[in-house]
Amino acid sequence: MKQWIFLFLAASLLALPGCGFDDDREYAIETKAGFFLGEDSLSRQRGVAKWTPDGLELDWQSRLKVGAGELSTMVLAEGSVWVGDINSNLLVAGDPETGAEEARITTGVAPHFFAVGDRYIVIADSTQDSLVWYHRRKEELFAIELPAPPQRILYNSRTFFVQVGPSDVWVIDEHALADRSRNEFEFPIQFMQFNQFNNIDLVTHDGSQAYTALVSGADYLTARNETAVDYSQIARTPYFEARFGQEWLQDVVLVGNEVQTGNQVIQDQASSFGVDFFESKLFAQTNDSLVRIDLSTRSIEGAYPYTDRILSSVFWRGE
């Protein structure tokens, strides 16, 4: 009898307007937009292009009143897209959906590179032998002297990873403001990123040959294995498994002009690329277009006029 009463009540509730069991499809996380920091091969000016399913918006940074000739670096942090303005010595954060300004910080130095942490934003002017720290709550700036100009910066779990000079990586504790380790590499660093193990994955170059190396995320000590590789660009997947059923679990590389994954060519005649690993989408710059390709089916899903070489890319997700 109780079972019949329960079923009657459940059916009655479902019949009411606005009532029913949740449909998870309405709340599925998806990529809303992709942002590409690109550089013109002739003028060397940089701009941010924003991709959405509606198309490609060039010079998105102009919404933040930052010109193409003033742009340095782009970072996605805490749901905002941050850009560096090297002419006005500014960091500007914008809403990825509307482009509305969310923060504007005077840095005192040219922000060639920067990273946004929990307590600090760390800024590198690659012409000065110091690292600038901005305390986010106190809105105060101070500098720490270095033996060589800083360059690329990454942040994870209260730790900054700073390239110092051409071939060193310092691991700096955000709270103690002291380095945990200093890691030296034989060749100049060309690129730094995290892999799925939270190691710092590096690409170094001796002028004719590229090498891969890493700094361990466990103890921050160098695994001294600068191993020769045949690619000039690599994007490391952040995923171990496809929890949502769509994530791409293999790295993507650029070998010559071919974008490859799993030793298979996805796109040829490419100069650079970005990858949305969450939705398994490749964005390849080829000839005069930005081509969007599904990595699972290798089918082209869109092409947009675009001539810049992609320096970095970030993807904004939401429900």
C-alpha atoms as a PDB file:
ATOM      1  CA  MET A   1       0.000   0.000   0.000  1.00  0.00           C
ATOM      2  CA  LYS A   2       2.810   2.435   0.917  1.00  0.00           C
ATOM      3  CA  GLN A   3       4.482   1.785  -2.444  1.00  0.00           C
ATOM      4  CA  TRP A   4       1.297   2.771  -4.297  1.00  0.00           C
ATOM      5  CA  ILE A   5       0.976   5.967  -2.251  1.00  0.00           C
ATOM      6  CA  PHE A   6       4.610   6.883  -3.049  1.00  0.00           C
ATOM      7  CA  LEU A   7       4.165   6.240  -6.763  1.00  0.00           C
ATOM      8  CA  PHE A   8       0.958   8.311  -6.815  1.00  0.00           C
ATOM      9  CA  LEU A   9       2.704  11.255  -5.068  1.00  0.00           C
ATOM     10  CA  ALA A  10       5.719  11.045  -7.406  1.00  0.00           C
ATOM     11  CA  ALA A  11       3.504  11.003 -10.481  1.00  0.00           C
ATOM     12  CA  SER A  12       1.517  13.947  -9.123  1.00  0.00           C
ATOM     13  CA  LEU A  13       4.669  15.985  -8.561  1.00  0.00           C
ATOM     14  CA  LEU A  14       5.956  15.236 -12.052  1.00  0.00           C
ATOM     15  CA  ALA A  15       2.665  16.441 -13.467  1.00  0.00           C
ATOM     16  CA  LEU A  16       3.002  19.864 -11.782  1.00  0.00           C
ATOM     17  CA  PRO A  17       4.444  22.679 -13.947  1.00  0.00           C
ATOM     18  CA  GLY A  18       8.194  23.112 -13.402  1.00  0.00           C
ATOM     19  CA  CYS A  19       8.537  19.889 -11.451  1.00  0.00           C
ATOM     20  CA  GLY A  20      10.496  16.832 -12.488  1.00  0.00           C
ATOM     21  CA  PHE A  21      13.779  15.071 -12.073  1.00  0.00           C
ATOM     22  CA  ASP A  22      16.920  17.078 -12.912  1.00  0.00           C
ATOM     23  CA  ASP A  23      18.196  16.773 -16.439  1.00  0.00           C
ATOM     24  CA  ASP A  24      21.994  16.810 -16.127  1.00  0.00           C
ATOM     25  CA  ARG A  25      22.276  17.799 -19.756  1.00  0.00           C
ATOM     26  CA  GLU A  26      21.060  21.282 -18.813  1.00  0.00           C
ATOM     27  CA  TYR A  27      24.026  21.674 -16.446  1.00  0.00           C
ATOM     28  CA  ALA A  28      26.749  20.030 -18.500  1.00  0.00           C
ATOM     29  CA  ILE A  29      30.119  21.785 -18.410  1.00  0.00           C
ATOM     30  CA  GLU A  30      31.298  22.848 -21.837  1.00  0.00           C
ATOM     31  CA  THR A  31      33.821  25.147 -23.459  1.00  0.00           C
ATOM     32  CA  LYS A  32      32.213  28.542 -23.898  1.00  0.00           C
ATOM     33  CA  ALA A  33      35.159  30.334 -25.510  1.00  0.00           C
ATOM     34  CA  GLY A  34      38.779  29.943 -26.530  1.00  0.00           C
ATOM     35  CA  PHE A  35      41.333  32.765 -26.422  1.00  0.00           C
ATOM     36  CA  PHE A  36      44.433  32.813 -28.620  1.00  0.00           C
ATOM     37  CA  LEU A  37      47.419  35.074 -28.083  1.00  0.00           C
ATOM     38  CA  GLY A  38      48.902  35.512 -31.545  1.00  0.00           C
ATOM     39  CA  GLU A  39      51.783  37.405 -33.111  1.00  0.00           C
ATOM     40  CA  ASP A  40      51.980  38.885 -36.593  1.00  0.00           C
ATOM     41  CA  SER A  41      55.059  37.565 -38.404  1.00  0.00           C
ATOM     42  CA  LEU A  42      55.886  40.936 -39.990  1.00  0.00           C
ATOM     43  CA  SER A  43      54.975  43.625 -37.456  1.00  0.00           C
ATOM     44  CA  ARG A  44      55.572  41.386 -34.397  1.00  0.00           C
ATOM     45  CA  GLN A  45      52.483  42.925 -32.852  1.00  0.00           C
ATOM     46  CA  ARG A  46      50.382  40.691 -30.660  1.00  0.00           C
ATOM     47  CA  GLY A  47      46.639  40.366 -30.355  1.00  0.00           C
ATOM     48  CA  VAL A  48      44.060  38.185 -28.634  1.00  0.00           C
ATOM     49  CA  ALA A  49      41.445  36.409 -30.745  1.00  0.00           C
ATOM     50  CA  LYS A  50      38.324  35.035 -29.049  1.00  0.00           C
ATOM     51  CA  TRP A  51      36.610  31.969 -30.479  1.00  0.00           C
ATOM     52  CA  THR A  52      33.000  31.070 -29.724  1.00  0.00           C
ATOM     53  CA  PRO A  53      30.580  28.853 -31.640  1.00  0.00           C
ATOM     54  CA  ASP A  54      29.398  32.092 -33.297  1.00  0.00           C
ATOM     55  CA  GLY A  55      32.801  32.793 -34.854  1.00  0.00           C
ATOM     56  CA  LEU A  56      36.200  34.417 -34.235  1.00  0.00           C
ATOM     57  CA  GLU A  57      36.575  37.911 -32.781  1.00  0.00           C
ATOM     58  CA  LEU A  58      39.955  39.496 -33.537  1.00  0.00           C
ATOM     59  CA  ASP A  59      41.671  42.043 -31.248  1.00  0.00           C
ATOM     60  CA  TRP A  60      39.521  41.047 -28.272  1.00  0.00           C
ATOM     61  CA  GLN A  61      42.021  42.838 -26.002  1.00  0.00           C
ATOM     62  CA  SER A  62      40.766  46.173 -27.371  1.00  0.00           C
ATOM     63  CA  ARG A  63      37.664  45.647 -25.215  1.00  0.00           C
ATOM     64  CA  LEU A  64      40.058  46.129 -22.283  1.00  0.00           C
ATOM     65  CA  LYS A  65      41.563  49.243 -23.912  1.00  0.00           C
ATOM     66  CA  VAL A  66      44.842  47.449 -24.671  1.00  0.00           C
ATOM     67  CA  GLY A  67      46.296  47.893 -28.157  1.00  0.00           C
ATOM     68  CA  ALA A  68      47.857  45.123 -30.230  1.00  0.00           C
ATOM     69  CA  GLY A  69      51.267  46.789 -30.105  1.00  0.00           C
ATOM     70  CA  GLU A  70      51.152  46.908 -26.297  1.00  0.00           C
ATOM     71  CA  LEU A  71      50.263  43.295 -25.537  1.00  0.00           C
ATOM     72  CA  SER A  72      52.711  40.883 -23.894  1.00  0.00           C
ATOM     73  CA  THR A  73      51.203  37.825 -22.184  1.00  0.00           C
ATOM     74  CA  MET A  74      47.765  36.293 -21.579  1.00  0.00           C
ATOM     75  CA  VAL A  75      46.656  34.247 -18.555  1.00  0.00           C
ATOM     76  CA  LEU A  76      43.342  32.654 -17.522  1.00  0.00           C
ATOM     77  CA  ALA A  77      43.022  32.817 -13.740  1.00  0.00           C
ATOM     78  CA  GLU A  78      40.042  32.687 -11.377  1.00  0.00           C
ATOM     79  CA  GLY A  79      37.571  32.903 -14.220  1.00  0.00           C
ATOM     80  CA  SER A  80      39.099  36.038 -15.776  1.00  0.00           C
ATOM     81  CA  VAL A  81      41.311  36.567 -18.820  1.00  0.00           C
ATOM     82  CA  TRP A  82      44.351  38.670 -17.867  1.00  0.00           C
ATOM     83  CA  VAL A  83      46.594  40.510 -20.338  1.00  0.00           C
ATOM     84  CA  GLY A  84      49.787  42.504 -19.869  1.00  0.00           C
ATOM     85  CA  ASP A  85      50.189  46.008 -21.305  1.00  0.00           C
ATOM     86  CA  ILE A  86      53.942  46.654 -21.645  1.00  0.00           C
ATOM     87  CA  ASN A  87      53.640  50.272 -22.815  1.00  0.00           C
ATOM     88  CA  SER A  88      51.500  51.442 -19.910  1.00  0.00           C
ATOM     89  CA  ASN A  89      52.911  48.975 -17.337  1.00  0.00           C
ATOM     90  CA  LEU A  90      49.488  47.512 -16.608  1.00  0.00           C
ATOM     91  CA  LEU A  91      47.782  44.206 -15.949  1.00  0.00           C
ATOM     92  CA  VAL A  92      44.147  44.148 -17.019  1.00  0.00           C
ATOM     93  CA  ALA A  93      41.591  41.413 -16.320  1.00  0.00           C
ATOM     94  CA  GLY A  94      38.414  40.987 -18.330  1.00  0.00           C
ATOM     95  CA  ASP A  95      35.243  38.958 -18.140  1.00  0.00           C
ATOM     96  CA  PRO A  96      35.629  36.161 -20.728  1.00  0.00           C
ATOM     97  CA  GLU A  97      31.971  36.344 -21.701  1.00  0.00           C
ATOM     98  CA  THR A  98      31.366  40.092 -21.985  1.00  0.00           C
ATOM     99  CA  GLY A  99      34.865  41.589 -22.125  1.00  0.00           C
ATOM    100  CA  ALA A 100      33.994  43.920 -19.257  1.00  0.00           C
ATOM    101  CA  GLU A 101      37.010  45.086 -17.268  1.00  0.00           C
ATOM    102  CA  GLU A 102      37.316  43.358 -13.880  1.00  0.00           C
ATOM    103  CA  ALA A 103      40.717  44.576 -12.653  1.00  0.00           C
ATOM    104  CA  ARG A 104      43.409  47.078 -13.663  1.00  0.00           C
ATOM    105  CA  ILE A 105      46.740  47.027 -11.829  1.00  0.00           C
ATOM    106  CA  THR A 106      49.679  49.386 -12.296  1.00  0.00           C
ATOM    107  CA  THR A 107      52.808  47.220 -12.147  1.00  0.00           C
ATOM    108  CA  GLY A 108      55.619  49.803 -12.209  1.00  0.00           C
ATOM    109  CA  VAL A 109      57.530  47.666 -14.731  1.00  0.00           C
ATOM    110  CA  ALA A 110      56.798  46.211 -18.149  1.00  0.00           C
ATOM    111  CA  PRO A 111      54.848  42.969 -17.523  1.00  0.00           C
ATOM    112  CA  HIS A 112      56.524  40.798 -20.156  1.00  0.00           C
ATOM    113  CA  PHE A 113      55.494  37.739 -18.142  1.00  0.00           C
ATOM    114  CA  PHE A 114      53.283  37.263 -15.077  1.00  0.00           C
ATOM    115  CA  ALA A 115      51.334  34.706 -13.058  1.00  0.00           C
ATOM    116  CA  VAL A 116      48.334  35.136 -10.762  1.00  0.00           C
ATOM    117  CA  GLY A 117      48.601  33.438  -7.383  1.00  0.00           C
ATOM    118  CA  ASP A 118      46.325  33.271  -4.345  1.00  0.00           C
ATOM    119  CA  ARG A 119      48.109  35.998  -2.404  1.00  0.00           C
ATOM    120  CA  TYR A 120      50.427  37.585  -4.967  1.00  0.00           C
ATOM    121  CA  ILE A 121      50.684  38.372  -8.644  1.00  0.00           C
ATOM    122  CA  VAL A 122      54.297  37.950  -9.746  1.00  0.00           C
ATOM    123  CA  ILE A 123      55.534  40.084 -12.633  1.00  0.00           C
ATOM    124  CA  ALA A 124      58.662  39.694 -14.748  1.00  0.00           C
ATOM    125  CA  ASP A 125      60.212  42.539 -16.715  1.00  0.00           C
ATOM    126  CA  SER A 126      62.727  40.656 -18.852  1.00  0.00           C
ATOM    127  CA  THR A 127      64.992  43.737 -19.035  1.00  0.00           C
ATOM    128  CA  GLN A 128      65.538  43.995 -15.265  1.00  0.00           C
ATOM    129  CA  ASP A 129      67.291  41.764 -12.740  1.00  0.00           C
ATOM    130  CA  SER A 130      64.372  41.666 -10.314  1.00  0.00           C
ATOM    131  CA  LEU A 131      61.010  40.023  -9.769  1.00  0.00           C
ATOM    132  CA  VAL A 132      58.068  42.270  -8.851  1.00  0.00           C
ATOM    133  CA  TRP A 133      55.476  41.035  -6.354  1.00  0.00           C
ATOM    134  CA  TYR A 134      52.005  42.559  -6.076  1.00  0.00           C
ATOM    135  CA  HIS A 135      50.129  41.825  -2.844  1.00  0.00           C
ATOM    136  CA  ARG A 136      46.530  41.427  -3.977  1.00  0.00           C
ATOM    137  CA  ARG A 137      44.798  42.330  -0.712  1.00  0.00           C
ATOM    138  CA  LYS A 138      47.109  45.172   0.348  1.00  0.00           C
ATOM    139  CA  GLU A 139      47.557  46.402  -3.242  1.00  0.00           C
ATOM    140  CA  GLU A 140      51.275  46.897  -2.615  1.00  0.00           C
ATOM    141  CA  LEU A 141      54.311  46.311  -4.853  1.00  0.00           C
ATOM    142  CA  PHE A 142      57.827  45.239  -3.915  1.00  0.00           C
ATOM    143  CA  ALA A 143      60.747  43.695  -5.785  1.00  0.00           C
ATOM    144  CA  ILE A 144      63.150  40.827  -5.128  1.00  0.00           C
ATOM    145  CA  GLU A 145      66.581  41.042  -6.747  1.00  0.00           C
ATOM    146  CA  LEU A 146      67.704  38.218  -9.025  1.00  0.00           C
ATOM    147  CA  PRO A 147      71.069  37.367 -10.612  1.00  0.00           C
ATOM    148  CA  ALA A 148      69.535  37.556 -14.100  1.00  0.00           C
ATOM    149  CA  PRO A 149      66.337  38.867 -15.716  1.00  0.00           C
ATOM    150  CA  PRO A 150      63.220  36.723 -15.077  1.00  0.00           C
ATOM    151  CA  GLN A 151      61.090  35.432 -17.910  1.00  0.00           C
ATOM    152  CA  ARG A 152      58.339  32.764 -17.966  1.00  0.00           C
ATOM    153  CA  ILE A 153      56.306  32.184 -14.800  1.00  0.00           C
ATOM    154  CA  LEU A 154      53.890  29.418 -13.774  1.00  0.00           C
ATOM    155  CA  TYR A 155      51.824  29.056 -10.601  1.00  0.00           C
ATOM    156  CA  ASN A 156      50.340  26.074  -8.797  1.00  0.00           C
ATOM    157  CA  SER A 157      49.440  25.330  -5.195  1.00  0.00           C
ATOM    158  CA  ARG A 158      51.094  28.348  -3.487  1.00  0.00           C
ATOM    159  CA  THR A 159      54.225  27.941  -5.562  1.00  0.00           C
ATOM    160  CA  PHE A 160      55.664  30.057  -8.373  1.00  0.00           C
ATOM    161  CA  PHE A 161      57.968  28.540 -10.981  1.00  0.00           C
ATOM    162  CA  VAL A 162      60.130  31.289 -12.455  1.00  0.00           C
ATOM    163  CA  GLN A 163      62.555  31.113 -15.343  1.00  0.00           C
ATOM    164  CA  VAL A 164      65.629  33.102 -14.306  1.00  0.00           C
ATOM    165  CA  GLY A 165      67.997  33.963 -17.116  1.00  0.00           C
ATOM    166  CA  PRO A 166      68.021  31.783 -20.216  1.00  0.00           C
ATOM    167  CA  SER A 167      68.162  28.325 -18.629  1.00  0.00           C
ATOM    168  CA  ASP A 168      67.353  28.257 -14.877  1.00  0.00           C
ATOM    169  CA  VAL A 169      64.062  27.545 -13.108  1.00  0.00           C
ATOM    170  CA  TRP A 170      63.561  28.773  -9.545  1.00  0.00           C
ATOM    171  CA  VAL A 171      60.803  27.292  -7.377  1.00  0.00           C
ATOM    172  CA  ILE A 172      59.547  30.000  -4.991  1.00  0.00           C
ATOM    173  CA  ASP A 173      57.163  29.517  -2.067  1.00  0.00           C
ATOM    174  CA  GLU A 174      54.362  32.106  -2.218  1.00  0.00           C
ATOM    175  CA  HIS A 175      54.045  32.487   1.560  1.00  0.00           C
ATOM    176  CA  ALA A 176      57.687  32.233   2.640  1.00  0.00           C
ATOM    177  CA  LEU A 177      58.878  34.328  -0.346  1.00  0.00           C
ATOM    178  CA  ALA A 178      61.914  32.050  -0.483  1.00  0.00           C
ATOM    179  CA  ASP A 179      63.136  29.683  -3.165  1.00  0.00           C
ATOM    180  CA  ARG A 180      62.779  25.956  -2.507  1.00  0.00           C
ATOM    181  CA  SER A 181      65.151  24.968  -5.273  1.00  0.00           C
ATOM    182  CA  ARG A 182      67.137  26.363  -8.183  1.00  0.00           C
ATOM    183  CA  ASN A 183      67.295  24.142 -11.229  1.00  0.00           C
ATOM    184  CA  GLU A 184      69.870  24.606 -13.975  1.00  0.00           C
ATOM    185  CA  PHE A 185      69.493  23.339 -17.527  1.00  0.00           C
ATOM    186  CA  GLU A 186      72.130  23.092 -20.189  1.00  0.00           C
ATOM    187  CA  PHE A 187      70.209  24.827 -22.976  1.00  0.00           C
ATOM    188  CA  PRO A 188      67.963  27.924 -23.125  1.00  0.00           C
ATOM    189  CA  ILE A 189      64.325  27.362 -22.212  1.00  0.00           C
ATOM    190  CA  GLN A 190      61.788  27.887 -24.984  1.00  0.00           C
ATOM    191  CA  PHE A 191      58.575  26.847 -23.245  1.00  0.00           C
ATOM    192  CA  MET A 192      57.210  25.787 -19.828  1.00  0.00           C
ATOM    193  CA  GLN A 193      53.940  24.082 -18.936  1.00  0.00           C
ATOM    194  CA  PHE A 194      52.419  21.652 -16.432  1.00  0.00           C
ATOM    195  CA  ASN A 195      51.786  18.038 -17.331  1.00  0.00           C
ATOM    196  CA  GLN A 196      49.127  15.793 -15.767  1.00  0.00           C
ATOM    197  CA  PHE A 197      51.510  14.866 -12.937  1.00  0.00           C
ATOM    198  CA  ASN A 198      51.969  18.583 -12.052  1.00  0.00           C
ATOM    199  CA  ASN A 199      55.583  18.385 -13.142  1.00  0.00           C
ATOM    200  CA  ILE A 200      57.002  21.411 -14.954  1.00  0.00           C
ATOM    201  CA  ASP A 201      57.526  20.227 -18.496  1.00  0.00           C
ATOM    202  CA  LEU A 202      60.163  22.177 -20.441  1.00  0.00           C
ATOM    203  CA  VAL A 203      61.268  22.495 -24.029  1.00  0.00           C
ATOM    204  CA  THR A 204      64.863  23.694 -24.365  1.00  0.00           C
ATOM    205  CA  HIS A 205      66.841  24.397 -27.530  1.00  0.00           C
ATOM    206  CA  ASP A 206      70.511  24.588 -28.447  1.00  0.00           C
ATOM    207  CA  GLY A 207      69.921  26.528 -31.666  1.00  0.00           C
ATOM    208  CA  SER A 208      69.506  23.515 -33.918  1.00  0.00           C
ATOM    209  CA  GLN A 209      67.945  20.789 -31.753  1.00  0.00           C
ATOM    210  CA  ALA A 210      64.997  20.819 -29.330  1.00  0.00           C
ATOM    211  CA  TYR A 211      65.097  18.925 -26.026  1.00  0.00           C
ATOM    212  CA  THR A 212      62.580  18.017 -23.342  1.00  0.00           C
ATOM    213  CA  ALA A 213      63.222  18.152 -19.598  1.00  0.00           C
ATOM    214  CA  LEU A 214      61.219  18.606 -16.406  1.00  0.00           C
ATOM    215  CA  VAL A 215      61.189  19.809 -12.828  1.00  0.00           C
ATOM    216  CA  SER A 216      59.489  17.313 -10.532  1.00  0.00           C
ATOM    217  CA  GLY A 217      56.312  18.542  -8.909  1.00  0.00           C
ATOM    218  CA  ALA A 218      56.919  16.214  -5.964  1.00  0.00           C
ATOM    219  CA  ASP A 219      60.236  17.546  -4.650  1.00  0.00           C
ATOM    220  CA  TYR A 220      60.949  20.404  -7.094  1.00  0.00           C
ATOM    221  CA  LEU A 221      64.279  18.878  -8.065  1.00  0.00           C
ATOM    222  CA  THR A 222      65.424  18.661 -11.642  1.00  0.00           C
ATOM    223  CA  ALA A 223      65.147  15.345 -13.454  1.00  0.00           C
ATOM    224  CA  ARG A 224      68.230  16.014 -15.556  1.00  0.00           C
ATOM    225  CA  ASN A 225      67.072  14.380 -18.728  1.00  0.00           C
ATOM    226  CA  GLU A 226      67.302  16.938 -21.515  1.00  0.00           C
ATOM    227  CA  THR A 227      66.353  14.440 -24.187  1.00  0.00           C
ATOM    228  CA  ALA A 228      66.405  15.288 -27.891  1.00  0.00           C
ATOM    229  CA  VAL A 229      62.955  15.456 -29.513  1.00  0.00           C
ATOM    230  CA  ASP A 230      61.729  15.987 -33.063  1.00  0.00           C
ATOM    231  CA  TYR A 231      58.921  18.429 -32.245  1.00  0.00           C
ATOM    232  CA  SER A 232      59.038  22.202 -31.938  1.00  0.00           C
ATOM    233  CA  GLN A 233      55.820  22.567 -29.919  1.00  0.00           C
ATOM    234  CA  ILE A 234      54.005  20.251 -27.531  1.00  0.00           C
ATOM    235  CA  ALA A 235      50.760  20.523 -25.582  1.00  0.00           C
ATOM    236  CA  ARG A 236      50.534  18.099 -22.661  1.00  0.00           C
ATOM    237  CA  THR A 237      47.162  16.620 -21.821  1.00  0.00           C
ATOM    238  CA  PRO A 238      46.091  17.384 -18.236  1.00  0.00           C
ATOM    239  CA  TYR A 239      43.862  14.296 -18.027  1.00  0.00           C
ATOM    240  CA  PHE A 240      44.378  10.696 -16.919  1.00  0.00           C
ATOM    241  CA  GLU A 241      40.878   9.541 -17.834  1.00  0.00           C
ATOM    242  CA  ALA A 242      37.828  10.771 -19.695  1.00  0.00           C
ATOM    243  CA  ARG A 243      35.524  11.431 -16.741  1.00  0.00           C
ATOM    244  CA  PHE A 244      33.035  13.267 -18.946  1.00  0.00           C
ATOM    245  CA  GLY A 245      33.589  10.888 -21.856  1.00  0.00           C
ATOM    246  CA  GLN A 246      35.079  13.473 -24.191  1.00  0.00           C
ATOM    247  CA  GLU A 247      38.512  14.495 -22.864  1.00  0.00           C
ATOM    248  CA  TRP A 248      41.560  13.916 -25.070  1.00  0.00           C
ATOM    249  CA  LEU A 249      44.146  11.827 -23.227  1.00  0.00           C
ATOM    250  CA  GLN A 250      47.146  12.108 -25.567  1.00  0.00           C
ATOM    251  CA  ASP A 251      49.694  14.874 -26.019  1.00  0.00           C
ATOM    252  CA  VAL A 252      49.676  16.928 -29.221  1.00  0.00           C
ATOM    253  CA  VAL A 253      52.895  17.978 -30.991  1.00  0.00           C
ATOM    254  CA  LEU A 254      54.057  20.007 -33.972  1.00  0.00           C
ATOM    255  CA  VAL A 255      56.664  18.156 -36.051  1.00  0.00           C
ATOM    256  CA  GLY A 256      57.791  20.310 -38.934  1.00  0.00           C
ATOM    257  CA  ASN A 257      54.475  21.615 -40.252  1.00  0.00           C
ATOM    258  CA  GLU A 258      52.436  18.625 -39.104  1.00  0.00           C
ATOM    259  CA  VAL A 259      50.257  18.546 -36.007  1.00  0.00           C
ATOM    260  CA  GLN A 260      50.369  15.012 -34.617  1.00  0.00           C
ATOM    261  CA  THR A 261      48.835  13.068 -31.763  1.00  0.00           C
ATOM    262  CA  GLY A 262      49.478   9.407 -31.059  1.00  0.00           C
ATOM    263  CA  ASN A 263      51.923   9.346 -34.028  1.00  0.00           C
ATOM    264  CA  GLN A 264      49.097  10.231 -36.406  1.00  0.00           C
ATOM    265  CA  VAL A 265      48.967  13.406 -38.486  1.00  0.00           C
ATOM    266  CA  ILE A 266      45.874  15.499 -37.760  1.00  0.00           C
ATOM    267  CA  GLN A 267      46.722  18.611 -39.787  1.00  0.00           C
ATOM    268  CA  ASP A 268      49.569  19.459 -42.149  1.00  0.00           C
ATOM    269  CA  GLN A 269      50.848  22.861 -43.275  1.00  0.00           C
ATOM    270  CA  ALA A 270      50.367  24.222 -39.747  1.00  0.00           C
ATOM    271  CA  SER A 271      52.596  26.840 -38.133  1.00  0.00           C
ATOM    272  CA  SER A 272      51.189  26.629 -34.586  1.00  0.00           C
ATOM    273  CA  PHE A 273      48.215  25.310 -32.643  1.00  0.00           C
ATOM    274  CA  GLY A 274      46.168  25.310 -29.469  1.00  0.00           C
ATOM    275  CA  VAL A 275      44.245  22.407 -27.930  1.00  0.00           C
ATOM    276  CA  ASP A 276      41.016  22.273 -25.964  1.00  0.00           C
ATOM    277  CA  PHE A 277      41.727  18.932 -24.287  1.00  0.00           C
ATOM    278  CA  PHE A 278      38.416  18.995 -22.418  1.00  0.00           C
ATOM    279  CA  GLU A 279      36.368  18.785 -25.617  1.00  0.00           C
ATOM    280  CA  SER A 280      39.043  17.132 -27.803  1.00  0.00           C
ATOM    281  CA  LYS A 281      39.298  20.054 -30.210  1.00  0.00           C
ATOM    282  CA  LEU A 282      42.388  21.175 -32.095  1.00  0.00           C
ATOM    283  CA  PHE A 283      42.788  24.755 -33.286  1.00  0.00           C
ATOM    284  CA  ALA A 284      45.531  24.853 -35.931  1.00  0.00           C
ATOM    285  CA  GLN A 285      46.871  27.966 -37.641  1.00  0.00           C
ATOM    286  CA  THR A 286      47.419  26.964 -41.251  1.00  0.00           C
ATOM    287  CA  ASN A 287      48.026  29.280 -44.228  1.00  0.00           C
ATOM    288  CA  ASP A 288      45.631  32.174 -43.544  1.00  0.00           C
ATOM    289  CA  SER A 289      43.082  30.375 -41.362  1.00  0.00           C
ATOM    290  CA  LEU A 290      42.416  29.065 -37.887  1.00  0.00           C
ATOM    291  CA  VAL A 291      40.999  25.577 -38.389  1.00  0.00           C
ATOM    292  CA  ARG A 292      38.955  23.800 -35.712  1.00  0.00           C
ATOM    293  CA  ILE A 293      39.265  20.014 -35.849  1.00  0.00           C
ATOM    294  CA  ASP A 294      37.668  17.268 -33.786  1.00  0.00           C
ATOM    295  CA  LEU A 295      40.554  15.085 -32.587  1.00  0.00           C
ATOM    296  CA  SER A 296      38.341  12.016 -32.223  1.00  0.00           C
ATOM    297  CA  THR A 297      36.938  12.031 -35.750  1.00  0.00           C
ATOM    298  CA  ARG A 298      39.632  14.208 -37.426  1.00  0.00           C
ATOM    299  CA  SER A 299      36.836  16.154 -39.070  1.00  0.00           C
ATOM    300  CA  ILE A 300      37.066  19.909 -39.703  1.00  0.00           C
ATOM    301  CA  GLU A 301      34.319  21.716 -37.808  1.00  0.00           C
ATOM    302  CA  GLY A 302      35.135  25.281 -38.768  1.00  0.00           C
ATOM    303  CA  ALA A 303      37.668  27.610 -40.388  1.00  0.00           C
ATOM    304  CA  TYR A 304      38.147  31.301 -39.631  1.00  0.00           C
ATOM    305  CA  PRO A 305      40.354  33.984 -41.247  1.00  0.00           C
ATOM    306  CA  TYR A 306      43.470  34.226 -39.051  1.00  0.00           C
ATOM    307  CA  THR A 307      47.125  34.816 -39.923  1.00  0.00           C
ATOM    308  CA  ASP A 308      48.924  35.182 -36.558  1.00  0.00           C
ATOM    309  CA  ARG A 309      51.210  32.549 -35.102  1.00  0.00           C
ATOM    310  CA  ILE A 310      49.632  31.212 -31.910  1.00  0.00           C
ATOM    311  CA  LEU A 311      51.844  31.823 -28.869  1.00  0.00           C
ATOM    312  CA  SER A 312      49.436  30.534 -26.231  1.00  0.00           C
ATOM    313  CA  SER A 313      45.791  29.600 -25.798  1.00  0.00           C
ATOM    314  CA  VAL A 314      43.331  29.274 -22.916  1.00  0.00           C
ATOM    315  CA  PHE A 315      39.790  27.916 -22.812  1.00  0.00           C
ATOM    316  CA  TRP A 316      36.966  29.187 -20.638  1.00  0.00           C
ATOM    317  CA  ARG A 317      34.344  26.679 -19.523  1.00  0.00           C
ATOM    318  CA  GLY A 318      30.983  26.909 -17.862  1.00  0.00           C
ATOM    319  CA  GLU A 319      27.530  25.370 -17.640  1.00  0.00           C
END
